[in-house]
Amino acid sequence: RSSSPKNSSRSDYSCSSASRINHATKTQASDDDDDILNEYINTAASAITDLLSGHLSPSQPADQKEKFIFTCQMPDSYDTNQNWAITNGIKDYMSAYTLYKWYKRVAPDMADASELEIIRSDINHRINQRRKPVRRPVLPLNF
């Protein structure tokens, strides 16, 4: 007997569905994990603070529970069109970092930190965007 394509795809779907349910069960957090997740979120915020350190306002609050506010003092030539992308990049980084640390704890085979460096690099690039290109002096290579 030969199996029809419909039956074959249906069984593939069932297997995939069972796999997704197993994955969700394995990686699900509970209320008992709040302290751990909050620690991961605060560590992500510290990493963002380090990234923004050259631009943070001196009155930056140190520890926040419900939301994080990063107030930056940018040079006059800074391209304010980058604000939205930087804000979203910060949110993306904090989410990706928290997920990375959580996966590293509950499902190490799923933990992938490569996205973190891409997001950090993008934020850093956007912070350095200017309305007009700025010529920086060329430093000697000192060979």
Protein backbone atom coordinates (compact mmCIF):
# COMPACT_ATOMS: atom_id res chain seq x y z
CA ARG A 1 0.00 0.00 0.00
CA SER A 2 1.17 3.47 -0.72
CA SER A 3 0.41 6.36 1.56
CA SER A 4 -1.18 9.45 0.16
CA PRO A 5 0.59 12.80 0.49
CA LYS A 6 -2.20 14.09 2.74
CA ASN A 7 -1.60 11.37 5.32
CA SER A 8 2.14 11.87 5.18
CA SER A 9 1.94 15.62 5.75
CA ARG A 10 -0.62 15.15 8.51
CA SER A 11 1.74 12.89 10.46
CA ASP A 12 4.59 15.35 9.90
CA TYR A 13 2.41 18.09 11.30
CA SER A 14 1.50 16.01 14.35
CA CYS A 15 5.13 15.33 15.06
CA SER A 16 5.97 18.99 14.64
CA SER A 17 3.07 20.00 16.87
CA ALA A 18 4.15 17.56 19.58
CA SER A 19 7.68 18.90 19.29
CA ARG A 20 6.45 22.48 19.74
CA ILE A 21 4.41 21.52 22.79
CA ASN A 22 7.42 19.73 24.29
CA HIS A 23 9.59 22.76 23.53
CA ALA A 24 7.09 25.18 25.09
CA THR A 25 6.75 23.01 28.19
CA LYS A 26 10.52 22.72 28.54
CA THR A 27 11.23 26.45 28.21
CA GLN A 28 8.21 27.90 30.01
CA ALA A 29 8.88 30.14 33.01
CA SER A 30 6.69 30.23 36.10
CA ASP A 31 6.14 32.80 38.83
CA ASP A 32 8.86 31.02 40.81
CA ASP A 33 11.35 32.12 38.14
CA ASP A 34 10.65 35.86 38.49
CA ASP A 35 13.77 36.53 40.55
CA ILE A 36 16.00 34.83 38.00
CA LEU A 37 14.37 36.62 35.07
CA ASN A 38 14.60 39.98 36.86
CA GLU A 39 18.30 39.33 37.42
CA TYR A 40 18.74 38.66 33.68
CA ILE A 41 16.82 41.84 32.80
CA ASN A 42 18.93 43.93 35.20
CA THR A 43 22.12 42.46 33.75
CA ALA A 44 20.89 43.36 30.25
CA ALA A 45 20.20 46.91 31.47
CA SER A 46 23.76 47.09 32.86
CA ALA A 47 25.11 46.04 29.46
CA ILE A 48 23.07 48.80 27.82
CA THR A 49 24.33 51.28 30.43
CA ASP A 50 27.90 50.29 29.53
CA LEU A 51 27.15 50.71 25.82
CA LEU A 52 25.65 54.16 26.37
CA SER A 53 28.15 55.18 29.07
CA GLY A 54 29.74 57.97 27.04
CA HIS A 55 26.36 59.61 26.49
CA LEU A 56 24.33 58.97 29.65
CA SER A 57 23.09 61.93 31.61
CA PRO A 58 24.77 62.24 35.05
CA SER A 59 21.34 62.09 36.73
CA GLN A 60 20.70 58.59 35.36
CA PRO A 61 18.80 56.52 37.98
CA ALA A 62 20.73 53.42 38.95
CA ASP A 63 18.09 50.79 39.73
CA GLN A 64 14.59 50.55 38.35
CA LYS A 65 11.99 47.82 38.82
CA GLU A 66 9.14 48.50 36.40
CA LYS A 67 10.81 50.30 33.51
CA PHE A 68 14.21 51.50 32.45
CA ILE A 69 14.91 55.05 31.36
CA PHE A 70 18.17 55.89 29.64
CA THR A 71 18.65 59.64 29.22
CA CYS A 72 21.46 60.51 26.86
CA GLN A 73 23.25 63.76 26.11
CA MET A 74 24.16 63.66 22.46
CA PRO A 75 26.35 66.07 20.49
CA ASP A 76 24.62 68.80 18.49
CA SER A 77 25.51 67.04 15.25
CA TYR A 78 23.77 63.81 16.31
CA ASP A 79 21.09 62.59 13.87
CA THR A 80 17.87 62.57 15.90
CA ASN A 81 16.25 60.39 13.22
CA GLN A 82 18.09 57.52 14.93
CA ASN A 83 16.17 57.85 18.24
CA TRP A 84 13.39 55.42 17.33
CA ALA A 85 15.81 52.78 16.03
CA ILE A 86 18.07 53.11 19.09
CA THR A 87 15.08 52.80 21.45
CA ASN A 88 13.88 49.67 19.64
CA GLY A 89 17.41 48.30 19.58
CA ILE A 90 17.64 48.69 23.35
CA LYS A 91 14.33 46.84 23.78
CA ASP A 92 15.47 44.13 21.35
CA TYR A 93 18.79 43.74 23.14
CA MET A 94 17.20 43.43 26.57
CA SER A 95 14.67 40.88 25.29
CA ALA A 96 17.28 38.88 23.37
CA TYR A 97 19.67 38.90 26.34
CA THR A 98 16.98 37.73 28.76
CA LEU A 99 15.89 34.95 26.38
CA TYR A 100 19.49 33.93 25.75
CA LYS A 101 20.21 33.60 29.48
CA TRP A 102 16.93 31.77 30.07
CA TYR A 103 17.56 29.32 27.23
CA LYS A 104 21.11 28.82 28.47
CA ARG A 105 19.59 27.75 31.79
CA VAL A 106 16.66 25.58 30.63
CA ALA A 107 17.56 24.51 27.07
CA PRO A 108 21.27 25.09 26.38
CA ASP A 109 20.99 23.71 22.85
CA MET A 110 18.74 26.67 21.98
CA ALA A 111 20.92 29.41 23.49
CA ASP A 112 22.43 31.58 20.77
CA ALA A 113 24.23 34.81 21.65
CA SER A 114 25.06 35.85 18.08
CA GLU A 115 22.06 38.18 17.85
CA LEU A 116 23.27 40.13 20.88
CA GLU A 117 26.44 41.36 19.20
CA ILE A 118 24.53 42.31 16.05
CA ILE A 119 22.08 44.42 18.06
CA ARG A 120 24.87 46.03 20.14
CA SER A 121 26.76 46.89 16.98
CA ASP A 122 23.66 48.43 15.39
CA ILE A 123 22.94 50.56 18.47
CA ASN A 124 26.56 51.73 18.58
CA HIS A 125 26.50 52.53 14.85
CA ARG A 126 23.30 54.56 15.21
CA ILE A 127 24.63 56.48 18.24
CA ASN A 128 27.51 57.63 16.06
CA GLN A 129 25.31 58.81 13.18
CA ARG A 130 25.57 62.52 12.44
CA ARG A 131 23.48 64.87 10.33
CA LYS A 132 26.63 65.70 8.38
CA PRO A 133 29.56 63.32 8.07
CA VAL A 134 32.34 64.21 10.49
CA ARG A 135 35.92 63.93 9.33
CA ARG A 136 38.03 62.38 11.98
CA PRO A 137 41.80 62.72 11.88
CA VAL A 138 43.73 59.77 10.53
CA LEU A 139 46.01 58.38 13.20
CA PRO A 140 49.48 57.12 12.24
CA LEU A 141 49.87 53.34 12.26
CA ASN A 142 53.22 53.50 14.15
CA PHE A 143 54.91 50.66 12.31
